[in-house]
Amino acid sequence: MAKHGKSYKDARGRVDATREYDPQEAVRLLKDLKRSTV
């Protein structure tokens, strides 16, 4: 099985899977994570 890279691990650490984000906050988080993976 393939291993995940540094960007994926960083992004996963910044998202709380048990929390429900409101739409604006979720979009902001996704945009921020997108920048960190490029």
PDB file of N, CA and C in Angstrom:
ATOM      1  N   MET A   1       0.840  -1.177   0.000  1.00  0.00           N
ATOM      2  CA  MET A   1       0.000   0.000   0.000  1.00  0.00           C
ATOM      3  C   MET A   1       0.891   1.249   0.000  1.00  0.00           C
ATOM      4  N   ALA A   2       0.495   2.242  -0.762  1.00  0.00           N
ATOM      5  CA  ALA A   2       1.284   3.464  -0.885  1.00  0.00           C
ATOM      6  C   ALA A   2       1.249   4.271   0.412  1.00  0.00           C
ATOM      7  N   LYS A   3       2.335   4.990   0.659  1.00  0.00           N
ATOM      8  CA  LYS A   3       2.405   5.834   1.850  1.00  0.00           C
ATOM      9  C   LYS A   3       2.009   7.253   1.476  1.00  0.00           C
ATOM     10  N   HIS A   4       1.497   7.983   2.451  1.00  0.00           N
ATOM     11  CA  HIS A   4       1.097   9.365   2.221  1.00  0.00           C
ATOM     12  C   HIS A   4       2.285  10.291   2.442  1.00  0.00           C
ATOM     13  N   GLY A   5       2.280  11.389   1.686  1.00  0.00           N
ATOM     14  CA  GLY A   5       3.364  12.350   1.759  1.00  0.00           C
ATOM     15  C   GLY A   5       3.184  13.367   2.868  1.00  0.00           C
ATOM     16  N   LYS A   6       4.137  14.279   2.953  1.00  0.00           N
ATOM     17  CA  LYS A   6       4.145  15.302   3.994  1.00  0.00           C
ATOM     18  C   LYS A   6       2.934  16.228   3.899  1.00  0.00           C
ATOM     19  N   SER A   7       2.567  16.626   2.690  1.00  0.00           N
ATOM     20  CA  SER A   7       1.445  17.544   2.519  1.00  0.00           C
ATOM     21  C   SER A   7       0.141  16.915   2.986  1.00  0.00           C
ATOM     22  N   TYR A   8      -0.057  15.655   2.660  1.00  0.00           N
ATOM     23  CA  TYR A   8      -1.266  14.949   3.077  1.00  0.00           C
ATOM     24  C   TYR A   8      -1.320  14.842   4.596  1.00  0.00           C
ATOM     25  N   LYS A   9      -0.211  14.474   5.197  1.00  0.00           N
ATOM     26  CA  LYS A   9      -0.169  14.327   6.652  1.00  0.00           C
ATOM     27  C   LYS A   9      -0.427  15.663   7.341  1.00  0.00           C
ATOM     28  N   ASP A  10       0.119  16.741   6.799  1.00  0.00           N
ATOM     29  CA  ASP A  10      -0.106  18.069   7.355  1.00  0.00           C
ATOM     30  C   ASP A  10      -1.579  18.449   7.249  1.00  0.00           C
ATOM     31  N   ALA A  11      -2.175  18.221   6.083  1.00  0.00           N
ATOM     32  CA  ALA A  11      -3.582  18.555   5.873  1.00  0.00           C
ATOM     33  C   ALA A  11      -4.476  17.733   6.788  1.00  0.00           C
ATOM     34  N   ARG A  12      -4.178  16.483   6.928  1.00  0.00           N
ATOM     35  CA  ARG A  12      -4.996  15.611   7.776  1.00  0.00           C
ATOM     36  C   ARG A  12      -4.912  16.036   9.239  1.00  0.00           C
ATOM     37  N   GLY A  13      -3.773  16.513   9.658  1.00  0.00           N
ATOM     38  CA  GLY A  13      -3.608  16.975  11.025  1.00  0.00           C
ATOM     39  C   GLY A  13      -4.351  18.268  11.318  1.00  0.00           C
ATOM     40  N   ARG A  14      -4.654  19.028  10.286  1.00  0.00           N
ATOM     41  CA  ARG A  14      -5.327  20.313  10.466  1.00  0.00           C
ATOM     42  C   ARG A  14      -6.844  20.209  10.416  1.00  0.00           C
ATOM     43  N   VAL A  15      -7.378  19.045  10.045  1.00  0.00           N
ATOM     44  CA  VAL A  15      -8.825  18.850   9.954  1.00  0.00           C
ATOM     45  C   VAL A  15      -9.276  17.947  11.098  1.00  0.00           C
ATOM     46  N   ASP A  16     -10.291  18.386  11.823  1.00  0.00           N
ATOM     47  CA  ASP A  16     -10.854  17.597  12.918  1.00  0.00           C
ATOM     48  C   ASP A  16     -12.044  16.805  12.376  1.00  0.00           C
ATOM     49  N   ALA A  17     -11.901  15.493  12.270  1.00  0.00           N
ATOM     50  CA  ALA A  17     -12.933  14.639  11.683  1.00  0.00           C
ATOM     51  C   ALA A  17     -14.180  14.539  12.551  1.00  0.00           C
ATOM     52  N   THR A  18     -14.070  14.838  13.825  1.00  0.00           N
ATOM     53  CA  THR A  18     -15.222  14.730  14.715  1.00  0.00           C
ATOM     54  C   THR A  18     -16.038  16.017  14.764  1.00  0.00           C
ATOM     55  N   ARG A  19     -15.537  17.059  14.153  1.00  0.00           N
ATOM     56  CA  ARG A  19     -16.196  18.367  14.187  1.00  0.00           C
ATOM     57  C   ARG A  19     -16.983  18.605  12.905  1.00  0.00           C
ATOM     58  N   GLU A  20     -18.131  19.269  13.051  1.00  0.00           N
ATOM     59  CA  GLU A  20     -18.919  19.641  11.880  1.00  0.00           C
ATOM     60  C   GLU A  20     -18.660  21.123  11.603  1.00  0.00           C
ATOM     61  N   TYR A  21     -18.056  21.415  10.460  1.00  0.00           N
ATOM     62  CA  TYR A  21     -17.702  22.781  10.098  1.00  0.00           C
ATOM     63  C   TYR A  21     -18.884  23.468   9.429  1.00  0.00           C
ATOM     64  N   ASP A  22     -19.018  24.784   9.673  1.00  0.00           N
ATOM     65  CA  ASP A  22     -20.042  25.519   8.935  1.00  0.00           C
ATOM     66  C   ASP A  22     -19.519  25.746   7.516  1.00  0.00           C
ATOM     67  N   PRO A  23     -20.409  25.994   6.554  1.00  0.00           N
ATOM     68  CA  PRO A  23     -19.986  26.066   5.141  1.00  0.00           C
ATOM     69  C   PRO A  23     -18.864  27.064   4.860  1.00  0.00           C
ATOM     70  N   GLN A  24     -18.944  28.257   5.428  1.00  0.00           N
ATOM     71  CA  GLN A  24     -17.904  29.259   5.164  1.00  0.00           C
ATOM     72  C   GLN A  24     -16.554  28.811   5.703  1.00  0.00           C
ATOM     73  N   GLU A  25     -16.562  28.262   6.892  1.00  0.00           N
ATOM     74  CA  GLU A  25     -15.314  27.804   7.494  1.00  0.00           C
ATOM     75  C   GLU A  25     -14.735  26.619   6.724  1.00  0.00           C
ATOM     76  N   ALA A  26     -15.604  25.733   6.248  1.00  0.00           N
ATOM     77  CA  ALA A  26     -15.153  24.564   5.491  1.00  0.00           C
ATOM     78  C   ALA A  26     -14.498  24.981   4.178  1.00  0.00           C
ATOM     79  N   VAL A  27     -15.108  25.927   3.486  1.00  0.00           N
ATOM     80  CA  VAL A  27     -14.541  26.401   2.216  1.00  0.00           C
ATOM     81  C   VAL A  27     -13.199  27.077   2.461  1.00  0.00           C
ATOM     82  N   ARG A  28     -13.111  27.887   3.508  1.00  0.00           N
ATOM     83  CA  ARG A  28     -11.853  28.557   3.842  1.00  0.00           C
ATOM     84  C   ARG A  28     -10.767  27.528   4.150  1.00  0.00           C
ATOM     85  N   LEU A  29     -11.126  26.491   4.901  1.00  0.00           N
ATOM     86  CA  LEU A  29     -10.167  25.445   5.242  1.00  0.00           C
ATOM     87  C   LEU A  29      -9.707  24.697   3.988  1.00  0.00           C
ATOM     88  N   LEU A  30     -10.639  24.360   3.107  1.00  0.00           N
ATOM     89  CA  LEU A  30     -10.275  23.652   1.876  1.00  0.00           C
ATOM     90  C   LEU A  30      -9.345  24.478   0.998  1.00  0.00           C
ATOM     91  N   LYS A  31      -9.640  25.763   0.874  1.00  0.00           N
ATOM     92  CA  LYS A  31      -8.777  26.631   0.070  1.00  0.00           C
ATOM     93  C   LYS A  31      -7.379  26.721   0.672  1.00  0.00           C
ATOM     94  N   ASP A  32      -7.306  26.806   1.984  1.00  0.00           N
ATOM     95  CA  ASP A  32      -6.011  26.878   2.660  1.00  0.00           C
ATOM     96  C   ASP A  32      -5.240  25.571   2.486  1.00  0.00           C
ATOM     97  N   LEU A  33      -5.925  24.444   2.595  1.00  0.00           N
ATOM     98  CA  LEU A  33      -5.273  23.147   2.418  1.00  0.00           C
ATOM     99  C   LEU A  33      -4.811  22.954   0.978  1.00  0.00           C
ATOM    100  N   LYS A  34      -5.582  23.457   0.041  1.00  0.00           N
ATOM    101  CA  LYS A  34      -5.220  23.343  -1.369  1.00  0.00           C
ATOM    102  C   LYS A  34      -3.884  24.049  -1.630  1.00  0.00           C
ATOM    103  N   ARG A  35      -3.691  25.210  -1.020  1.00  0.00           N
ATOM    104  CA  ARG A  35      -2.444  25.950  -1.201  1.00  0.00           C
ATOM    105  C   ARG A  35      -1.257  25.203  -0.609  1.00  0.00           C
ATOM    106  N   SER A  36      -1.492  24.503   0.481  1.00  0.00           N
ATOM    107  CA  SER A  36      -0.375  23.819   1.132  1.00  0.00           C
ATOM    108  C   SER A  36       0.050  22.565   0.381  1.00  0.00           C
ATOM    109  N   THR A  37      -0.817  22.034  -0.489  1.00  0.00           N
ATOM    110  CA  THR A  37      -0.484  20.802  -1.198  1.00  0.00           C
ATOM    111  C   THR A  37       0.135  21.055  -2.562  1.00  0.00           C
ATOM    112  N   VAL A  38       0.147  22.295  -3.027  1.00  0.00           N
ATOM    113  CA  VAL A  38       0.681  22.592  -4.359  1.00  0.00           C
ATOM    114  C   VAL A  38       2.135  22.940  -4.275  1.00  0.00           C
TER     115      VAL A  38
END
